[in-house]
Amino acid sequence: MKAIRIPDDLKESFGKFRSLSAKCVDLAGSIIDELDELVETGFGGAEAEKIRSLAHQVAFTEHEVDVVEHEFVRGIYARDTELTPGEFHLWMRLTHTLSQLSNTAENLADSITMVLDMK
């Protein structure tokens, strides 16, 4: 199976996009890991503040993902004639999938924050 190629000048922005997306998902995973302790504390106290802080970090990281994604997609479109139609399509689908992962992580963090705010 042949790997899809990426223009050399886009490798750095894609790497940043990929790592920020993974960071966003990892932060959301940290929120999930803390849910047991949150239940034990009755959805309040220091544990609730810790989760609010993690949720804020997820939101900020997701914003960074959006900024880097925009930069990367602009680069892909600027080089659409250098890429085969298949490569272009695969890069756009991969970009969309990574973006959806970080969006889902932010939605999870927002949902947990709403639950905390209802208390």
Protein backbone atom coordinates (compact mmCIF):
# COMPACT_ATOMS: atom_id res chain seq x y z
CA MET A 1 0.00 0.00 0.00
CA LYS A 2 1.43 3.35 -1.01
CA ALA A 3 1.49 6.11 1.59
CA ILE A 4 -0.09 9.41 0.67
CA ARG A 5 2.46 12.13 0.36
CA ILE A 6 2.34 15.53 1.96
CA PRO A 7 4.11 18.57 0.55
CA ASP A 8 7.27 19.25 2.58
CA ASP A 9 6.20 22.75 3.59
CA LEU A 10 2.97 21.39 5.14
CA LYS A 11 4.57 18.68 7.27
CA GLU A 12 5.08 21.00 10.23
CA SER A 13 1.53 22.37 10.22
CA PHE A 14 0.06 18.88 9.86
CA GLY A 15 2.23 17.62 12.72
CA LYS A 16 1.03 20.48 14.91
CA PHE A 17 -2.58 19.85 13.86
CA ARG A 18 -2.25 16.15 14.65
CA SER A 19 -0.57 16.67 18.02
CA LEU A 20 -3.05 19.35 19.13
CA SER A 21 -5.96 17.08 18.16
CA ALA A 22 -4.44 14.27 20.21
CA LYS A 23 -3.87 16.64 23.14
CA CYS A 24 -7.51 17.69 23.01
CA VAL A 25 -8.68 14.07 23.13
CA ASP A 26 -6.21 13.28 25.94
CA LEU A 27 -7.53 16.19 28.00
CA ALA A 28 -11.09 14.94 27.51
CA GLY A 29 -9.89 11.51 28.61
CA SER A 30 -8.51 13.12 31.77
CA ILE A 31 -11.97 14.52 32.49
CA ILE A 32 -13.46 11.05 32.10
CA ASP A 33 -10.79 9.63 34.43
CA GLU A 34 -11.80 12.16 37.09
CA LEU A 35 -15.53 11.41 36.97
CA ASP A 36 -15.38 8.76 39.73
CA GLU A 37 -13.82 11.23 42.13
CA LEU A 38 -16.31 13.90 41.07
CA VAL A 39 -19.21 11.61 41.98
CA GLU A 40 -17.59 10.83 45.33
CA THR A 41 -17.33 14.54 46.15
CA GLY A 42 -20.95 15.22 45.23
CA PHE A 43 -20.11 17.21 42.10
CA GLY A 44 -18.51 19.99 44.08
CA GLY A 45 -15.39 21.23 45.76
CA ALA A 46 -11.87 21.08 44.45
CA GLU A 47 -12.63 18.15 42.16
CA ALA A 48 -15.31 20.14 40.33
CA GLU A 49 -12.90 23.04 39.91
CA LYS A 50 -10.25 20.66 38.59
CA ILE A 51 -12.70 19.38 35.98
CA ARG A 52 -13.76 22.92 35.07
CA SER A 53 -10.10 23.75 34.54
CA LEU A 54 -9.61 20.68 32.35
CA ALA A 55 -12.73 21.63 30.36
CA HIS A 56 -11.33 25.11 29.83
CA GLN A 57 -8.06 23.57 28.60
CA VAL A 58 -10.00 21.36 26.18
CA ALA A 59 -11.87 24.39 24.80
CA PHE A 60 -8.66 26.37 24.38
CA THR A 61 -6.86 23.46 22.73
CA GLU A 62 -9.79 22.85 20.40
CA HIS A 63 -9.61 26.50 19.35
CA GLU A 64 -5.91 26.04 18.62
CA VAL A 65 -6.80 22.95 16.55
CA ASP A 66 -9.25 25.04 14.52
CA VAL A 67 -6.63 27.72 13.83
CA VAL A 68 -3.96 25.22 12.76
CA GLU A 69 -6.52 23.22 10.73
CA HIS A 70 -7.47 26.36 8.81
CA GLU A 71 -3.80 27.03 8.04
CA PHE A 72 -3.25 23.42 6.94
CA VAL A 73 -6.36 23.29 4.73
CA ARG A 74 -5.36 26.56 3.06
CA GLY A 75 -2.01 24.96 2.29
CA ILE A 76 -3.66 21.85 0.85
CA TYR A 77 -5.93 23.95 -1.37
CA ALA A 78 -2.97 26.06 -2.49
CA ARG A 79 -1.25 22.87 -3.66
CA ASP A 80 -4.26 21.07 -5.10
CA THR A 81 -2.64 20.92 -8.53
CA GLU A 82 0.45 19.19 -7.07
CA LEU A 83 -1.63 16.45 -5.46
CA THR A 84 -3.54 13.73 -7.23
CA PRO A 85 -7.32 13.92 -6.79
CA GLY A 86 -7.10 10.86 -4.54
CA GLU A 87 -4.39 12.41 -2.36
CA PHE A 88 -6.33 15.65 -2.09
CA HIS A 89 -9.49 13.79 -1.11
CA LEU A 90 -7.68 11.67 1.48
CA TRP A 91 -6.03 14.72 3.07
CA MET A 92 -9.37 16.48 3.29
CA ARG A 93 -11.04 13.43 4.85
CA LEU A 94 -8.19 12.95 7.31
CA THR A 95 -8.35 16.63 8.25
CA HIS A 96 -12.11 16.38 8.78
CA THR A 97 -11.75 13.26 10.93
CA LEU A 98 -9.07 14.79 13.17
CA SER A 99 -11.14 17.93 13.48
CA GLN A 100 -14.21 15.91 14.48
CA LEU A 101 -12.21 14.16 17.21
CA SER A 102 -11.27 17.46 18.82
CA ASN A 103 -14.81 18.81 18.37
CA THR A 104 -16.21 15.73 20.10
CA ALA A 105 -13.73 16.17 22.95
CA GLU A 106 -14.86 19.77 23.37
CA ASN A 107 -18.52 18.74 23.30
CA LEU A 108 -17.84 16.20 26.05
CA ALA A 109 -16.08 18.84 28.16
CA ASP A 110 -18.96 21.29 27.59
CA SER A 111 -21.52 18.67 28.62
CA ILE A 112 -19.67 17.89 31.85
CA THR A 113 -19.38 21.62 32.59
CA MET A 114 -23.14 22.02 32.09
CA VAL A 115 -23.77 19.22 34.57
CA LEU A 116 -21.48 20.94 37.07
CA ASP A 117 -23.26 24.27 36.52
CA MET A 118 -26.64 22.67 37.27
CA LYS A 119 -25.46 21.82 40.81
